[in-house]
Protein backbone atom coordinates (compact mmCIF):
# COMPACT_ATOMS: atom_id res chain seq x y z
CA MET A 1 34.52 14.90 -43.81
CA LYS A 2 35.82 18.15 -42.33
CA ARG A 3 38.24 18.55 -45.26
CA ILE A 4 35.38 18.16 -47.77
CA TYR A 5 33.40 20.80 -45.87
CA PHE A 6 36.23 23.33 -46.09
CA ILE A 7 36.77 22.58 -49.80
CA LEU A 8 33.10 23.38 -50.40
CA LEU A 9 33.50 26.65 -48.51
CA LEU A 10 36.50 27.57 -50.64
CA ILE A 11 34.42 26.91 -53.75
CA SER A 12 31.78 29.30 -52.40
CA PHE A 13 34.43 32.04 -52.07
CA THR A 14 35.35 31.54 -55.73
CA ALA A 15 31.72 31.87 -56.77
CA PHE A 16 31.40 35.22 -55.00
CA SER A 17 34.95 36.40 -55.56
CA GLN A 18 34.27 40.09 -56.16
CA GLU A 19 32.35 41.02 -53.02
CA ILE A 20 33.38 42.95 -49.90
CA ALA A 21 31.42 43.39 -46.68
CA VAL A 22 31.57 45.61 -43.60
CA VAL A 23 31.25 43.73 -40.31
CA LYS A 24 28.35 44.81 -38.10
CA TYR A 25 29.34 43.94 -34.53
CA SER A 26 27.85 44.32 -31.06
CA GLY A 27 29.19 46.04 -27.96
CA GLY A 28 28.29 49.64 -28.67
CA GLY A 29 31.18 50.57 -30.95
CA ASP A 30 30.48 52.48 -34.16
CA TRP A 31 30.89 49.68 -36.69
CA TYR A 32 29.40 52.06 -39.29
CA ALA A 33 32.28 54.57 -39.02
CA ASN A 34 33.94 55.87 -42.21
CA PRO A 35 30.93 55.26 -44.49
CA THR A 36 32.66 56.59 -47.63
CA ALA A 37 35.90 54.68 -47.06
CA LEU A 38 35.23 51.30 -48.66
CA PRO A 39 33.27 52.65 -51.65
CA ASN A 40 36.21 54.97 -52.41
CA LEU A 41 38.72 52.15 -52.02
CA ILE A 42 36.69 49.89 -54.29
CA ARG A 43 36.46 52.63 -56.90
CA PHE A 44 40.22 53.18 -56.71
CA CYS A 45 40.96 49.46 -57.08
CA ASN A 46 38.55 48.92 -59.95
CA SER A 47 40.14 51.86 -61.77
CA ASN A 48 43.79 51.18 -60.99
CA ILE A 49 44.43 47.49 -60.37
CA ASN A 50 41.79 45.95 -62.64
CA THR A 51 39.49 44.48 -60.02
CA THR A 52 35.76 44.18 -60.69
CA ILE A 53 34.48 44.47 -57.14
CA ASN A 54 30.84 45.32 -56.53
CA PRO A 55 30.94 49.12 -55.96
CA LYS A 56 28.52 48.89 -53.05
CA PRO A 57 29.96 46.98 -50.05
CA ALA A 58 27.55 44.78 -48.16
CA THR A 59 26.98 44.66 -44.40
CA VAL A 60 27.25 41.32 -42.61
CA GLU A 61 27.02 40.02 -39.05
CA LEU A 62 29.55 37.39 -38.09
CA ASN A 63 27.01 34.69 -37.20
CA ASN A 64 25.21 35.09 -40.54
CA PRO A 65 25.70 32.25 -43.08
CA ASP A 66 26.11 34.95 -45.74
CA LEU A 67 29.56 35.63 -44.24
CA PHE A 68 30.91 32.89 -46.51
CA SER A 69 29.87 34.86 -49.59
CA TYR A 70 32.60 37.44 -48.98
CA PRO A 71 36.31 36.64 -49.41
CA PHE A 72 37.14 39.97 -47.74
CA ILE A 73 35.45 41.49 -44.69
CA HIS A 74 36.40 44.78 -43.06
CA MET A 75 35.72 46.20 -39.64
CA THR A 76 36.52 49.50 -38.00
CA GLY A 77 35.29 51.85 -35.28
CA HIS A 78 36.27 53.82 -32.20
CA GLY A 79 34.74 51.89 -29.30
CA ASN A 80 33.71 48.62 -27.74
CA VAL A 81 33.53 45.34 -29.64
CA VAL A 82 31.94 42.12 -28.38
CA PHE A 83 31.76 38.84 -30.31
CA SER A 84 29.21 36.26 -29.17
CA GLU A 85 30.12 32.58 -28.93
CA SER A 86 28.28 31.80 -32.17
CA GLU A 87 30.07 34.65 -33.95
CA VAL A 88 33.44 33.39 -32.75
CA VAL A 89 32.70 29.87 -34.03
CA ASN A 90 31.45 31.11 -37.41
CA LEU A 91 34.39 33.49 -37.83
CA GLN A 92 36.85 30.71 -37.02
CA LYS A 93 35.29 28.55 -39.75
CA TYR A 94 35.31 31.46 -42.18
CA LEU A 95 38.99 32.27 -41.67
CA LYS A 96 40.09 28.63 -41.75
CA ALA A 97 38.14 28.14 -44.98
CA GLY A 98 39.97 30.92 -46.83
CA GLY A 99 38.28 34.13 -45.70
CA PHE A 100 40.17 37.30 -44.76
CA LEU A 101 39.41 39.87 -42.06
CA HIS A 102 40.89 43.37 -42.10
CA ILE A 103 40.51 45.31 -38.87
CA ASP A 104 41.36 49.02 -38.99
CA ASP A 105 41.62 50.62 -35.56
CA ASN A 106 40.01 54.03 -35.89
CA TYR A 107 41.60 55.27 -32.66
CA GLY A 108 39.91 53.85 -29.58
CA MET A 109 39.12 50.31 -30.69
CA ASP A 110 42.41 48.66 -29.74
CA GLU A 111 41.79 47.83 -26.08
CA TYR A 112 38.57 46.04 -26.99
CA ILE A 113 39.41 44.28 -30.24
CA ARG A 114 42.50 42.54 -28.90
CA LYS A 115 40.33 40.69 -26.35
CA GLU A 116 37.98 39.56 -29.11
CA ILE A 117 40.83 38.42 -31.36
CA LYS A 118 42.01 36.27 -28.45
CA LYS A 119 38.58 34.63 -28.37
CA ILE A 120 38.95 33.67 -32.02
CA PHE A 121 42.54 32.48 -31.71
CA PRO A 122 43.18 31.53 -28.07
CA ASN A 123 46.39 29.70 -28.99
CA LYS A 124 47.84 32.33 -31.31
CA GLU A 125 49.38 35.76 -30.81
CA LEU A 126 49.21 38.79 -33.06
CA VAL A 127 52.57 39.13 -34.77
CA GLU A 128 54.02 42.20 -36.43
CA ILE A 129 54.17 41.79 -40.19
CA PRO A 130 57.52 42.79 -41.70
CA ALA A 131 57.85 45.25 -44.56
CA THR A 132 59.15 42.37 -46.71
CA HIS A 133 55.74 40.65 -46.67
CA ALA A 134 53.91 40.46 -50.00
CA ILE A 135 51.10 42.73 -48.77
CA PHE A 136 53.59 45.65 -48.81
CA GLN A 137 55.21 44.76 -52.12
CA LYS A 138 52.58 44.97 -54.84
CA PRO A 139 51.12 46.57 -56.76
CA TYR A 140 52.56 49.49 -54.77
CA LEU A 141 55.81 49.24 -52.85
CA PHE A 142 55.77 50.25 -49.18
CA ALA A 143 59.41 49.73 -48.33
CA ASN A 144 58.88 50.74 -44.69
CA GLY A 145 55.68 48.77 -44.19
CA LEU A 146 52.37 50.22 -43.04
CA PRO A 147 52.10 53.98 -43.69
CA LYS A 148 51.03 56.56 -41.11
CA ILE A 149 47.91 58.44 -42.27
CA HIS A 150 46.84 60.38 -39.15
CA GLU A 151 49.16 61.25 -36.28
CA HIS A 152 46.97 61.20 -33.16
CA GLU A 153 49.54 60.54 -30.41
CA GLY A 154 52.42 60.19 -32.85
CA LYS A 155 52.90 56.47 -32.23
CA ARG A 156 54.33 54.41 -35.04
CA PRO A 157 51.90 52.47 -37.21
CA GLN A 158 51.85 48.71 -36.77
CA ALA A 159 50.66 45.99 -39.12
CA LEU A 160 49.73 42.99 -37.02
CA GLY A 161 48.41 39.66 -38.15
CA ILE A 162 47.33 36.11 -37.50
CA PHE A 163 48.52 33.32 -39.79
CA ILE A 164 47.03 29.89 -40.43
CA ASP A 165 49.38 27.49 -42.21
CA ASN A 166 51.53 30.46 -43.32
CA ARG A 167 48.48 32.23 -44.78
CA LEU A 168 47.65 35.68 -43.45
CA VAL A 169 43.98 35.50 -42.43
CA LEU A 170 43.62 38.48 -40.10
CA PHE A 171 45.27 41.83 -40.81
CA TYR A 172 45.08 44.42 -38.03
CA THR A 173 46.21 47.95 -38.88
CA PHE A 174 46.96 49.90 -35.69
CA GLU A 175 47.93 53.57 -35.24
CA SER A 176 47.62 54.17 -38.98
CA ASP A 177 44.00 55.20 -39.70
CA LEU A 178 43.94 53.82 -43.21
CA GLY A 179 40.14 54.09 -43.36
CA ASP A 180 40.27 57.82 -42.62
CA GLY A 181 42.52 58.21 -45.64
CA TRP A 182 40.03 56.34 -47.81
CA GLU A 183 37.17 58.67 -46.90
CA ASP A 184 35.91 61.53 -49.09
CA ALA A 185 38.48 64.32 -49.27
CA GLU A 186 36.34 66.85 -47.39
CA VAL A 187 35.84 64.58 -44.36
CA HIS A 188 39.38 65.02 -42.98
CA ASN A 189 40.85 67.52 -45.45
CA ASP A 190 43.90 65.32 -45.95
CA PRO A 191 46.37 66.37 -48.67
CA ILE A 192 46.11 64.44 -51.93
CA VAL A 193 49.43 62.73 -51.31
CA VAL A 194 48.19 61.37 -47.96
CA ARG A 195 44.92 60.09 -49.41
CA GLU A 196 46.76 58.44 -52.31
CA LYS A 197 49.13 56.73 -49.88
CA ALA A 198 46.18 55.34 -47.91
CA LEU A 199 44.35 54.20 -51.05
CA LYS A 200 47.45 52.53 -52.45
CA MET A 201 47.99 50.62 -49.22
CA GLY A 202 44.34 49.61 -49.33
CA ALA A 203 44.82 48.46 -52.92
CA ASN A 204 47.69 46.26 -51.76
CA ILE A 205 45.39 44.60 -49.24
CA ILE A 206 42.74 44.02 -51.90
CA ASN A 207 45.36 42.75 -54.33
CA TYR A 208 46.66 40.30 -51.73
CA ILE A 209 43.18 38.80 -51.33
CA PHE A 210 41.81 38.85 -54.85
CA LYS A 211 44.91 38.37 -56.98
CA ASN A 212 47.30 36.14 -55.03
């Protein structure tokens, strides 16, 4: 019975295969940070890697049944994050059924989000994803793995993940600030080459979800 349930959920992902949503979470953190980031990334992907993603990302809470309408959900911010018990249960079902969560630490989120990830996967650890993984290979090659977009304290960027049956279901980008690089050019005044690097890495994430 459980297997049939998950098959039906996978079918629902197929039906809504070109939608992306921003996660609205509790705890006081600014879940709404980087408002121009995802629209710019979607525009870049639709123009350069032949996706047909809805240009306006949705907003979804993790305990909302609509979560299962989005194959890709994204969350970011600078502060506290708290998942309720019902959100944890729904997110577990979502990820096991084929959904994908990208978390982009926007400098200040790390100490909080790791605790919440542990709630979702109490028996799993975040693992560093090697540069040989498919998410760094196409359509743009990142031979050294996750790129560094903003320096902050100068720590190296880390791509961390959780796998279920060898499938990457949670992708956590730490000390990189990809979302800042996706924002409108005037927000951070990044050079074109830096913004393009961020957008291309974002396109690889999108490609991994929608085209694999």
